[in-house]
Amino acid sequence: MNKNKKKPIPRFNREVCIACTMCVDVCPVGVLDLVISNSPSGFRRYPMLASAHNCTGCASCEKQCPAGAITMIEQEF
């Protein structure tokens, strides 16, 4: 039997995010990308997880986020 494994992946809070892109820059495997989206203050770039399967769950993005907008959550794969 093949059991699903859990690993942490980042969840982004856009209301707290300051769009600094630090998380994208620090990701060692390059699985974070930027998406342009409308916000109350106009268009902004927000981070998103482009590939959950390739994320190592290292939490570098969470640790480097100056706004505290990233939380690692357990995801089943």
C-alpha atoms as a PDB file:
ATOM      1  CA  MET A   1       0.000   0.000   0.000  1.00  0.00           C
ATOM      2  CA  ASN A   2       1.148   3.484  -0.803  1.00  0.00           C
ATOM      3  CA  LYS A   3       0.421   5.906   2.042  1.00  0.00           C
ATOM      4  CA  ASN A   4       0.163   9.597   1.414  1.00  0.00           C
ATOM      5  CA  LYS A   5       2.863  11.622   3.096  1.00  0.00           C
ATOM      6  CA  LYS A   6       2.448  15.019   4.670  1.00  0.00           C
ATOM      7  CA  LYS A   7       4.866  17.885   4.304  1.00  0.00           C
ATOM      8  CA  PRO A   8       4.695  21.583   5.108  1.00  0.00           C
ATOM      9  CA  ILE A   9       4.013  24.060   2.308  1.00  0.00           C
ATOM     10  CA  PRO A  10       3.635  27.843   2.514  1.00  0.00           C
ATOM     11  CA  ARG A  11       0.288  29.601   2.745  1.00  0.00           C
ATOM     12  CA  PHE A  12       0.306  33.329   1.944  1.00  0.00           C
ATOM     13  CA  ASN A  13      -1.844  35.959   3.647  1.00  0.00           C
ATOM     14  CA  ARG A  14      -2.339  38.667   1.015  1.00  0.00           C
ATOM     15  CA  GLU A  15      -3.827  41.075   3.538  1.00  0.00           C
ATOM     16  CA  VAL A  16      -0.544  41.085   5.474  1.00  0.00           C
ATOM     17  CA  CYS A  17       1.866  40.654   2.529  1.00  0.00           C
ATOM     18  CA  ILE A  18       3.855  43.772   1.648  1.00  0.00           C
ATOM     19  CA  ALA A  19       4.846  42.403  -1.793  1.00  0.00           C
ATOM     20  CA  CYS A  20       8.569  42.634  -1.076  1.00  0.00           C
ATOM     21  CA  THR A  21       9.340  39.419  -3.062  1.00  0.00           C
ATOM     22  CA  MET A  22      11.872  38.323  -0.439  1.00  0.00           C
ATOM     23  CA  CYS A  23      10.243  34.881  -0.222  1.00  0.00           C
ATOM     24  CA  VAL A  24      10.645  34.317  -3.958  1.00  0.00           C
ATOM     25  CA  ASP A  25      14.296  35.343  -3.815  1.00  0.00           C
ATOM     26  CA  VAL A  26      15.145  33.094  -0.849  1.00  0.00           C
ATOM     27  CA  CYS A  27      13.452  29.882  -2.077  1.00  0.00           C
ATOM     28  CA  PRO A  28      16.262  27.352  -2.655  1.00  0.00           C
ATOM     29  CA  VAL A  29      14.304  25.313  -5.209  1.00  0.00           C
ATOM     30  CA  GLY A  30      12.523  28.141  -7.031  1.00  0.00           C
ATOM     31  CA  VAL A  31       8.950  26.963  -6.489  1.00  0.00           C
ATOM     32  CA  LEU A  32       7.584  30.391  -5.580  1.00  0.00           C
ATOM     33  CA  ASP A  33       6.405  32.756  -8.274  1.00  0.00           C
ATOM     34  CA  LEU A  34       4.767  36.162  -8.425  1.00  0.00           C
ATOM     35  CA  VAL A  35       1.238  36.799  -9.610  1.00  0.00           C
ATOM     36  CA  ILE A  36      -0.121  40.269 -10.316  1.00  0.00           C
ATOM     37  CA  SER A  37      -3.463  40.884  -8.689  1.00  0.00           C
ATOM     38  CA  ASN A  38      -5.734  43.796  -7.915  1.00  0.00           C
ATOM     39  CA  SER A  39      -5.778  45.108  -4.354  1.00  0.00           C
ATOM     40  CA  PRO A  40      -7.464  48.063  -2.626  1.00  0.00           C
ATOM     41  CA  SER A  41      -4.325  50.116  -3.359  1.00  0.00           C
ATOM     42  CA  GLY A  42      -4.073  49.077  -7.039  1.00  0.00           C
ATOM     43  CA  PHE A  43      -2.276  46.229  -8.749  1.00  0.00           C
ATOM     44  CA  ARG A  44       0.347  44.414  -6.652  1.00  0.00           C
ATOM     45  CA  ARG A  45       2.617  41.413  -7.020  1.00  0.00           C
ATOM     46  CA  TYR A  46       1.813  38.573  -4.669  1.00  0.00           C
ATOM     47  CA  PRO A  47       3.752  35.350  -4.087  1.00  0.00           C
ATOM     48  CA  MET A  48       2.222  32.008  -4.913  1.00  0.00           C
ATOM     49  CA  LEU A  49       3.362  28.424  -4.697  1.00  0.00           C
ATOM     50  CA  ALA A  50       3.870  27.361  -8.324  1.00  0.00           C
ATOM     51  CA  SER A  51       4.694  23.729  -7.543  1.00  0.00           C
ATOM     52  CA  ALA A  52       3.616  22.181  -4.252  1.00  0.00           C
ATOM     53  CA  HIS A  53       5.135  18.828  -5.197  1.00  0.00           C
ATOM     54  CA  ASN A  54       8.596  20.338  -5.667  1.00  0.00           C
ATOM     55  CA  CYS A  55       8.488  22.371  -2.453  1.00  0.00           C
ATOM     56  CA  THR A  56      10.889  20.873   0.097  1.00  0.00           C
ATOM     57  CA  GLY A  57       9.079  22.378   3.090  1.00  0.00           C
ATOM     58  CA  CYS A  58      12.261  24.074   4.301  1.00  0.00           C
ATOM     59  CA  ALA A  59      10.311  27.134   5.580  1.00  0.00           C
ATOM     60  CA  SER A  60      12.968  29.581   4.346  1.00  0.00           C
ATOM     61  CA  CYS A  61      10.203  31.756   2.929  1.00  0.00           C
ATOM     62  CA  GLU A  62       8.348  31.853   6.252  1.00  0.00           C
ATOM     63  CA  LYS A  63      11.526  32.686   8.193  1.00  0.00           C
ATOM     64  CA  GLN A  64      12.541  35.519   5.824  1.00  0.00           C
ATOM     65  CA  CYS A  65       9.133  37.182   5.470  1.00  0.00           C
ATOM     66  CA  PRO A  66       9.437  40.603   7.182  1.00  0.00           C
ATOM     67  CA  ALA A  67       5.642  40.984   7.401  1.00  0.00           C
ATOM     68  CA  GLY A  68       4.866  37.549   8.829  1.00  0.00           C
ATOM     69  CA  ALA A  69       2.542  36.847   5.889  1.00  0.00           C
ATOM     70  CA  ILE A  70       3.636  33.219   5.381  1.00  0.00           C
ATOM     71  CA  THR A  71       2.550  30.247   7.462  1.00  0.00           C
ATOM     72  CA  MET A  72       3.687  26.700   6.782  1.00  0.00           C
ATOM     73  CA  ILE A  73       0.768  24.250   6.691  1.00  0.00           C
ATOM     74  CA  GLU A  74       0.759  20.455   6.432  1.00  0.00           C
ATOM     75  CA  GLN A  75      -0.331  19.167   3.018  1.00  0.00           C
ATOM     76  CA  GLU A  76      -0.929  15.551   2.029  1.00  0.00           C
ATOM     77  CA  PHE A  77       0.769  14.266  -1.106  1.00  0.00           C
END
